[in-house]
Amino acid sequence: MFTDVESQLESIEAIFAEATEDGLKLEEPHLFSFYFVDAEIEKLGKLGEQLEEHGYDYIGVFELEDEETDKPTGEYMLHVDKVETHTAHSLAERNVELARIAQEAGVTAYDGWEVGELEGEEDDENAEE
């Protein structure tokens, strides 16, 4: 899904357009959250530490639950944040980079991103999976 820039642009541009209509000023820095999934907590923890060395905030690893039954799925999600300014193109490039890093780390998947206001600003969020 995040293997190349071009295949993501239309979807990111649509999300950015909606966010802009909702008042998000994407030309300014925002909090970008990035997610990774694997069945092994240790792999995700190591990846979180690696990303932290590159300026990401390591938020944590969380157990995933089935949406219908609320039972554990046996998979875990790593959540990291970074304050950045992105265009649709630069975010697509970041997604490709993070998917490559996940693959190199042996992690099952880079699972996508969210953008939200920085602390103290209005709390709008838009997601891409």
N, C-alpha and C. Protein backbone atom coordinates (compact mmCIF):
# COMPACT_ATOMS: atom_id res chain seq x y z
N MET A 1 0.82 -1.20 0.00
CA MET A 1 0.00 0.00 0.00
C MET A 1 0.86 1.26 0.00
N PHE A 2 1.96 1.26 0.71
CA PHE A 2 2.82 2.44 0.79
C PHE A 2 4.14 2.19 0.06
N THR A 3 4.03 1.53 -1.10
CA THR A 3 5.24 1.15 -1.82
C THR A 3 5.74 2.23 -2.78
N ASP A 4 4.87 3.16 -3.16
CA ASP A 4 5.31 4.23 -4.05
C ASP A 4 4.51 5.50 -3.77
N VAL A 5 5.06 6.62 -4.18
CA VAL A 5 4.46 7.93 -3.91
C VAL A 5 3.18 8.13 -4.73
N GLU A 6 3.25 7.84 -6.01
CA GLU A 6 2.15 8.18 -6.92
C GLU A 6 0.82 7.55 -6.54
N SER A 7 0.84 6.29 -6.08
CA SER A 7 -0.42 5.61 -5.76
C SER A 7 -1.12 6.21 -4.55
N GLN A 8 -0.43 7.01 -3.75
CA GLN A 8 -1.00 7.60 -2.54
C GLN A 8 -1.51 9.02 -2.73
N LEU A 9 -1.01 9.71 -3.74
CA LEU A 9 -1.24 11.16 -3.84
C LEU A 9 -2.70 11.56 -3.86
N GLU A 10 -3.51 10.88 -4.67
CA GLU A 10 -4.92 11.26 -4.79
C GLU A 10 -5.63 11.16 -3.44
N SER A 11 -5.39 10.09 -2.73
CA SER A 11 -6.05 9.89 -1.45
C SER A 11 -5.57 10.91 -0.40
N ILE A 12 -4.25 11.15 -0.34
CA ILE A 12 -3.73 12.14 0.61
C ILE A 12 -4.22 13.53 0.27
N GLU A 13 -4.22 13.88 -1.01
CA GLU A 13 -4.71 15.20 -1.43
C GLU A 13 -6.17 15.39 -1.02
N ALA A 14 -6.99 14.35 -1.15
CA ALA A 14 -8.40 14.44 -0.75
C ALA A 14 -8.52 14.65 0.76
N ILE A 15 -7.73 13.93 1.52
CA ILE A 15 -7.76 14.08 2.99
C ILE A 15 -7.28 15.48 3.38
N PHE A 16 -6.21 15.95 2.74
CA PHE A 16 -5.70 17.29 3.02
C PHE A 16 -6.72 18.37 2.65
N ALA A 17 -7.42 18.18 1.52
CA ALA A 17 -8.43 19.16 1.10
C ALA A 17 -9.56 19.23 2.12
N GLU A 18 -10.00 18.08 2.60
CA GLU A 18 -11.08 18.05 3.61
C GLU A 18 -10.60 18.68 4.91
N ALA A 19 -9.36 18.39 5.30
CA ALA A 19 -8.81 18.96 6.53
C ALA A 19 -8.71 20.47 6.42
N THR A 20 -8.32 20.96 5.26
CA THR A 20 -8.21 22.40 5.03
C THR A 20 -9.58 23.05 5.11
N GLU A 21 -10.58 22.41 4.52
CA GLU A 21 -11.95 22.91 4.60
C GLU A 21 -12.43 22.97 6.05
N ASP A 22 -11.95 22.04 6.87
CA ASP A 22 -12.31 22.00 8.29
C ASP A 22 -11.47 22.95 9.13
N GLY A 23 -10.59 23.73 8.48
CA GLY A 23 -9.83 24.75 9.19
C GLY A 23 -8.40 24.38 9.56
N LEU A 24 -7.94 23.21 9.19
CA LEU A 24 -6.57 22.81 9.49
C LEU A 24 -5.63 23.52 8.51
N LYS A 25 -4.67 24.25 9.03
CA LYS A 25 -3.71 24.99 8.20
C LYS A 25 -2.49 24.12 8.00
N LEU A 26 -2.51 23.30 6.95
CA LEU A 26 -1.47 22.30 6.74
C LEU A 26 -0.12 22.89 6.34
N GLU A 27 -0.08 24.17 6.04
CA GLU A 27 1.21 24.80 5.75
C GLU A 27 1.99 25.08 7.03
N GLU A 28 1.36 24.84 8.17
CA GLU A 28 2.00 25.02 9.48
C GLU A 28 2.32 23.63 10.06
N PRO A 29 3.24 23.56 11.03
CA PRO A 29 3.56 22.27 11.65
C PRO A 29 2.34 21.67 12.36
N HIS A 30 2.21 20.35 12.25
CA HIS A 30 1.15 19.60 12.92
C HIS A 30 1.73 18.32 13.51
N LEU A 31 0.96 17.70 14.36
CA LEU A 31 1.34 16.44 14.96
C LEU A 31 0.94 15.31 14.01
N PHE A 32 1.94 14.60 13.50
CA PHE A 32 1.69 13.44 12.65
C PHE A 32 1.96 12.19 13.48
N SER A 33 1.00 11.28 13.47
CA SER A 33 1.13 10.00 14.16
C SER A 33 1.29 8.92 13.11
N PHE A 34 2.17 7.96 13.39
CA PHE A 34 2.46 6.87 12.46
C PHE A 34 2.34 5.55 13.21
N TYR A 35 1.84 4.51 12.52
CA TYR A 35 1.50 3.25 13.16
C TYR A 35 2.11 2.05 12.43
N PHE A 36 2.53 1.06 13.21
CA PHE A 36 3.13 -0.16 12.70
C PHE A 36 2.49 -1.34 13.42
N VAL A 37 2.35 -2.48 12.72
CA VAL A 37 1.69 -3.65 13.30
C VAL A 37 2.57 -4.88 13.17
N ASP A 38 2.59 -5.68 14.25
CA ASP A 38 3.30 -6.96 14.24
C ASP A 38 2.78 -7.80 15.40
N ALA A 39 3.03 -9.10 15.34
CA ALA A 39 2.62 -9.99 16.42
C ALA A 39 3.65 -10.03 17.55
N GLU A 40 4.84 -9.47 17.30
CA GLU A 40 5.90 -9.52 18.30
C GLU A 40 6.15 -8.13 18.91
N ILE A 41 5.86 -8.02 20.18
CA ILE A 41 6.04 -6.75 20.90
C ILE A 41 7.50 -6.30 20.83
N GLU A 42 8.42 -7.24 20.94
CA GLU A 42 9.84 -6.90 20.96
C GLU A 42 10.28 -6.19 19.67
N LYS A 43 9.81 -6.71 18.53
CA LYS A 43 10.16 -6.08 17.24
C LYS A 43 9.66 -4.64 17.19
N LEU A 44 8.44 -4.45 17.65
CA LEU A 44 7.86 -3.11 17.62
C LEU A 44 8.58 -2.18 18.59
N GLY A 45 8.94 -2.71 19.74
CA GLY A 45 9.68 -1.90 20.71
C GLY A 45 11.02 -1.45 20.16
N LYS A 46 11.74 -2.36 19.51
CA LYS A 46 13.04 -2.01 18.90
C LYS A 46 12.85 -0.97 17.81
N LEU A 47 11.80 -1.15 16.99
CA LEU A 47 11.54 -0.17 15.94
C LEU A 47 11.20 1.19 16.54
N GLY A 48 10.42 1.21 17.60
CA GLY A 48 10.09 2.46 18.27
C GLY A 48 11.33 3.17 18.77
N GLU A 49 12.25 2.42 19.35
CA GLU A 49 13.52 3.01 19.83
C GLU A 49 14.36 3.53 18.68
N GLN A 50 14.39 2.79 17.58
CA GLN A 50 15.13 3.22 16.39
C GLN A 50 14.55 4.53 15.85
N LEU A 51 13.24 4.61 15.76
CA LEU A 51 12.60 5.82 15.25
C LEU A 51 12.80 6.99 16.21
N GLU A 52 12.83 6.70 17.50
CA GLU A 52 13.06 7.75 18.50
C GLU A 52 14.43 8.40 18.27
N GLU A 53 15.40 7.61 17.86
CA GLU A 53 16.73 8.14 17.56
C GLU A 53 16.72 9.08 16.36
N HIS A 54 15.65 9.01 15.56
CA HIS A 54 15.51 9.86 14.38
C HIS A 54 14.46 10.96 14.57
N GLY A 55 14.19 11.30 15.83
CA GLY A 55 13.34 12.44 16.11
C GLY A 55 11.88 12.17 16.33
N TYR A 56 11.47 10.91 16.30
CA TYR A 56 10.08 10.57 16.56
C TYR A 56 9.87 10.43 18.06
N ASP A 57 8.67 10.71 18.52
CA ASP A 57 8.29 10.47 19.91
C ASP A 57 7.68 9.07 19.99
N TYR A 58 8.29 8.20 20.77
CA TYR A 58 7.84 6.83 20.95
C TYR A 58 6.69 6.86 21.95
N ILE A 59 5.46 6.71 21.46
CA ILE A 59 4.28 6.79 22.31
C ILE A 59 4.05 5.46 23.04
N GLY A 60 4.17 4.35 22.34
CA GLY A 60 4.01 3.06 22.98
C GLY A 60 3.58 1.96 22.03
N VAL A 61 3.50 0.74 22.57
CA VAL A 61 3.02 -0.43 21.84
C VAL A 61 1.74 -0.89 22.54
N PHE A 62 0.70 -1.09 21.75
CA PHE A 62 -0.61 -1.40 22.31
C PHE A 62 -1.17 -2.67 21.68
N GLU A 63 -1.82 -3.49 22.49
CA GLU A 63 -2.44 -4.71 21.99
C GLU A 63 -3.70 -4.36 21.20
N LEU A 64 -3.84 -4.97 20.04
CA LEU A 64 -5.02 -4.73 19.20
C LEU A 64 -6.14 -5.68 19.60
N GLU A 65 -7.37 -5.18 19.49
CA GLU A 65 -8.54 -5.98 19.80
C GLU A 65 -9.46 -6.04 18.59
N ASP A 66 -10.17 -7.13 18.46
CA ASP A 66 -11.17 -7.28 17.41
C ASP A 66 -12.27 -6.24 17.65
N GLU A 67 -12.65 -5.52 16.61
CA GLU A 67 -13.64 -4.45 16.76
C GLU A 67 -15.01 -4.96 17.19
N GLU A 68 -15.35 -6.18 16.77
CA GLU A 68 -16.67 -6.71 17.10
C GLU A 68 -16.72 -7.39 18.46
N THR A 69 -15.64 -8.12 18.82
CA THR A 69 -15.68 -8.91 20.04
C THR A 69 -14.87 -8.31 21.19
N ASP A 70 -14.04 -7.31 20.89
CA ASP A 70 -13.14 -6.70 21.86
C ASP A 70 -12.13 -7.69 22.44
N LYS A 71 -11.94 -8.83 21.76
CA LYS A 71 -10.96 -9.82 22.21
C LYS A 71 -9.63 -9.54 21.52
N PRO A 72 -8.51 -9.84 22.20
CA PRO A 72 -7.19 -9.61 21.61
C PRO A 72 -7.03 -10.36 20.28
N THR A 73 -6.37 -9.72 19.33
CA THR A 73 -6.16 -10.33 18.02
C THR A 73 -4.84 -11.06 17.92
N GLY A 74 -3.97 -10.88 18.91
CA GLY A 74 -2.64 -11.47 18.84
C GLY A 74 -1.65 -10.56 18.14
N GLU A 75 -2.10 -9.38 17.76
CA GLU A 75 -1.22 -8.41 17.13
C GLU A 75 -1.12 -7.15 17.99
N TYR A 76 -0.05 -6.42 17.75
CA TYR A 76 0.23 -5.21 18.52
C TYR A 76 0.51 -4.06 17.58
N MET A 77 0.27 -2.84 18.06
CA MET A 77 0.49 -1.64 17.25
C MET A 77 1.48 -0.72 17.95
N LEU A 78 2.49 -0.31 17.20
CA LEU A 78 3.43 0.71 17.64
C LEU A 78 2.92 2.06 17.18
N HIS A 79 2.92 3.04 18.07
CA HIS A 79 2.49 4.41 17.77
C HIS A 79 3.67 5.33 18.03
N VAL A 80 4.07 6.08 16.99
CA VAL A 80 5.08 7.12 17.14
C VAL A 80 4.52 8.42 16.58
N ASP A 81 4.98 9.54 17.13
CA ASP A 81 4.55 10.87 16.69
C ASP A 81 5.74 11.70 16.25
N LYS A 82 5.47 12.68 15.40
CA LYS A 82 6.49 13.65 15.02
C LYS A 82 5.79 14.93 14.58
N VAL A 83 6.30 16.07 15.04
CA VAL A 83 5.76 17.35 14.61
C VAL A 83 6.46 17.72 13.31
N GLU A 84 5.66 17.88 12.26
CA GLU A 84 6.20 18.14 10.93
C GLU A 84 5.21 18.98 10.12
N THR A 85 5.71 19.49 9.02
CA THR A 85 4.86 20.12 8.01
C THR A 85 5.00 19.28 6.75
N HIS A 86 3.87 18.89 6.16
CA HIS A 86 3.90 18.05 4.97
C HIS A 86 3.00 18.59 3.88
N THR A 87 3.42 18.36 2.65
CA THR A 87 2.54 18.43 1.49
C THR A 87 2.07 17.00 1.25
N ALA A 88 1.12 16.82 0.35
CA ALA A 88 0.69 15.46 0.03
C ALA A 88 1.87 14.65 -0.47
N HIS A 89 2.71 15.25 -1.29
CA HIS A 89 3.86 14.56 -1.86
C HIS A 89 4.87 14.19 -0.78
N SER A 90 5.20 15.11 0.10
CA SER A 90 6.20 14.80 1.14
C SER A 90 5.68 13.75 2.12
N LEU A 91 4.38 13.75 2.40
CA LEU A 91 3.81 12.73 3.28
C LEU A 91 3.83 11.37 2.60
N ALA A 92 3.54 11.34 1.31
CA ALA A 92 3.61 10.07 0.57
C ALA A 92 5.05 9.54 0.59
N GLU A 93 6.03 10.43 0.45
CA GLU A 93 7.43 10.02 0.54
C GLU A 93 7.75 9.47 1.92
N ARG A 94 7.23 10.13 2.97
CA ARG A 94 7.46 9.66 4.33
C ARG A 94 6.84 8.27 4.51
N ASN A 95 5.65 8.05 3.97
CA ASN A 95 5.00 6.74 4.06
C ASN A 95 5.85 5.64 3.42
N VAL A 96 6.41 5.93 2.25
CA VAL A 96 7.27 4.96 1.56
C VAL A 96 8.50 4.66 2.42
N GLU A 97 9.08 5.71 2.99
CA GLU A 97 10.26 5.56 3.85
C GLU A 97 9.93 4.69 5.07
N LEU A 98 8.80 4.96 5.72
CA LEU A 98 8.43 4.21 6.92
C LEU A 98 8.08 2.76 6.58
N ALA A 99 7.46 2.53 5.44
CA ALA A 99 7.18 1.16 5.01
C ALA A 99 8.48 0.40 4.77
N ARG A 100 9.47 1.05 4.19
CA ARG A 100 10.77 0.44 3.95
C ARG A 100 11.46 0.13 5.28
N ILE A 101 11.42 1.07 6.21
CA ILE A 101 12.03 0.87 7.53
C ILE A 101 11.36 -0.31 8.25
N ALA A 102 10.04 -0.41 8.16
CA ALA A 102 9.32 -1.52 8.79
C ALA A 102 9.75 -2.84 8.17
N GLN A 103 9.86 -2.87 6.87
CA GLN A 103 10.27 -4.10 6.18
C GLN A 103 11.69 -4.49 6.61
N GLU A 104 12.60 -3.52 6.65
CA GLU A 104 13.98 -3.81 7.07
C GLU A 104 14.05 -4.31 8.51
N ALA A 105 13.13 -3.85 9.35
CA ALA A 105 13.10 -4.26 10.76
C ALA A 105 12.37 -5.60 10.95
N GLY A 106 11.82 -6.15 9.87
CA GLY A 106 11.10 -7.41 9.97
C GLY A 106 9.73 -7.27 10.57
N VAL A 107 9.20 -6.05 10.59
CA VAL A 107 7.86 -5.78 11.13
C VAL A 107 6.83 -6.06 10.04
N THR A 108 5.71 -6.66 10.42
CA THR A 108 4.69 -7.08 9.47
C THR A 108 4.22 -5.93 8.58
N ALA A 109 3.89 -4.76 9.17
CA ALA A 109 3.32 -3.70 8.34
C ALA A 109 3.50 -2.32 8.94
N TYR A 110 3.72 -1.36 8.05
CA TYR A 110 3.52 0.05 8.37
C TYR A 110 2.04 0.26 8.09
N ASP A 111 1.29 0.74 9.07
CA ASP A 111 -0.17 0.73 8.99
C ASP A 111 -0.81 2.07 8.67
N GLY A 112 -0.03 3.15 8.58
CA GLY A 112 -0.64 4.41 8.19
C GLY A 112 -0.36 5.55 9.15
N TRP A 113 -1.11 6.61 8.96
CA TRP A 113 -0.83 7.87 9.64
C TRP A 113 -2.11 8.60 10.02
N GLU A 114 -1.95 9.56 10.89
CA GLU A 114 -3.01 10.52 11.24
C GLU A 114 -2.34 11.88 11.39
N VAL A 115 -3.10 12.92 11.18
CA VAL A 115 -2.61 14.27 11.44
C VAL A 115 -3.58 14.97 12.37
N GLY A 116 -3.03 15.71 13.31
CA GLY A 116 -3.87 16.45 14.24
C GLY A 116 -3.21 17.74 14.65
N GLU A 117 -3.95 18.55 15.33
CA GLU A 117 -3.44 19.83 15.83
C GLU A 117 -2.38 19.60 16.89
N LEU A 118 -1.48 20.52 17.01
CA LEU A 118 -0.53 20.49 18.11
C LEU A 118 -1.25 20.78 19.41
N GLU A 119 -0.68 20.36 20.52
CA GLU A 119 -1.29 20.58 21.83
C GLU A 119 -1.61 22.05 22.01
N GLY A 120 -2.79 22.32 22.50
CA GLY A 120 -3.20 23.70 22.72
C GLY A 120 -4.00 24.27 21.56
N GLU A 121 -4.03 23.56 20.44
CA GLU A 121 -4.83 23.99 19.30
C GLU A 121 -6.09 23.14 19.26
N GLU A 122 -7.04 23.52 18.42
CA GLU A 122 -8.27 22.76 18.28
C GLU A 122 -7.94 21.35 17.83
N ASP A 123 -8.68 20.35 18.29
CA ASP A 123 -8.33 18.96 18.09
C ASP A 123 -9.05 18.34 16.90
N ASP A 124 -8.62 18.66 15.67
CA ASP A 124 -9.15 18.04 14.46
C ASP A 124 -8.19 16.94 14.06
N GLU A 125 -8.71 15.80 13.59
CA GLU A 125 -7.86 14.72 13.11
C GLU A 125 -8.41 14.17 11.82
N ASN A 126 -7.51 13.73 10.95
CA ASN A 126 -7.86 13.04 9.71
C ASN A 126 -6.92 11.87 9.58
N ALA A 127 -7.43 10.75 9.08
CA ALA A 127 -6.61 9.54 9.05
C ALA A 127 -6.52 8.96 7.65
N GLU A 128 -5.44 8.23 7.46
CA GLU A 128 -5.21 7.49 6.23
C GLU A 128 -4.77 6.09 6.61
N GLU A 129 -5.39 5.09 6.01
CA GLU A 129 -4.97 3.71 6.26
C GLU A 129 -4.71 3.04 4.96
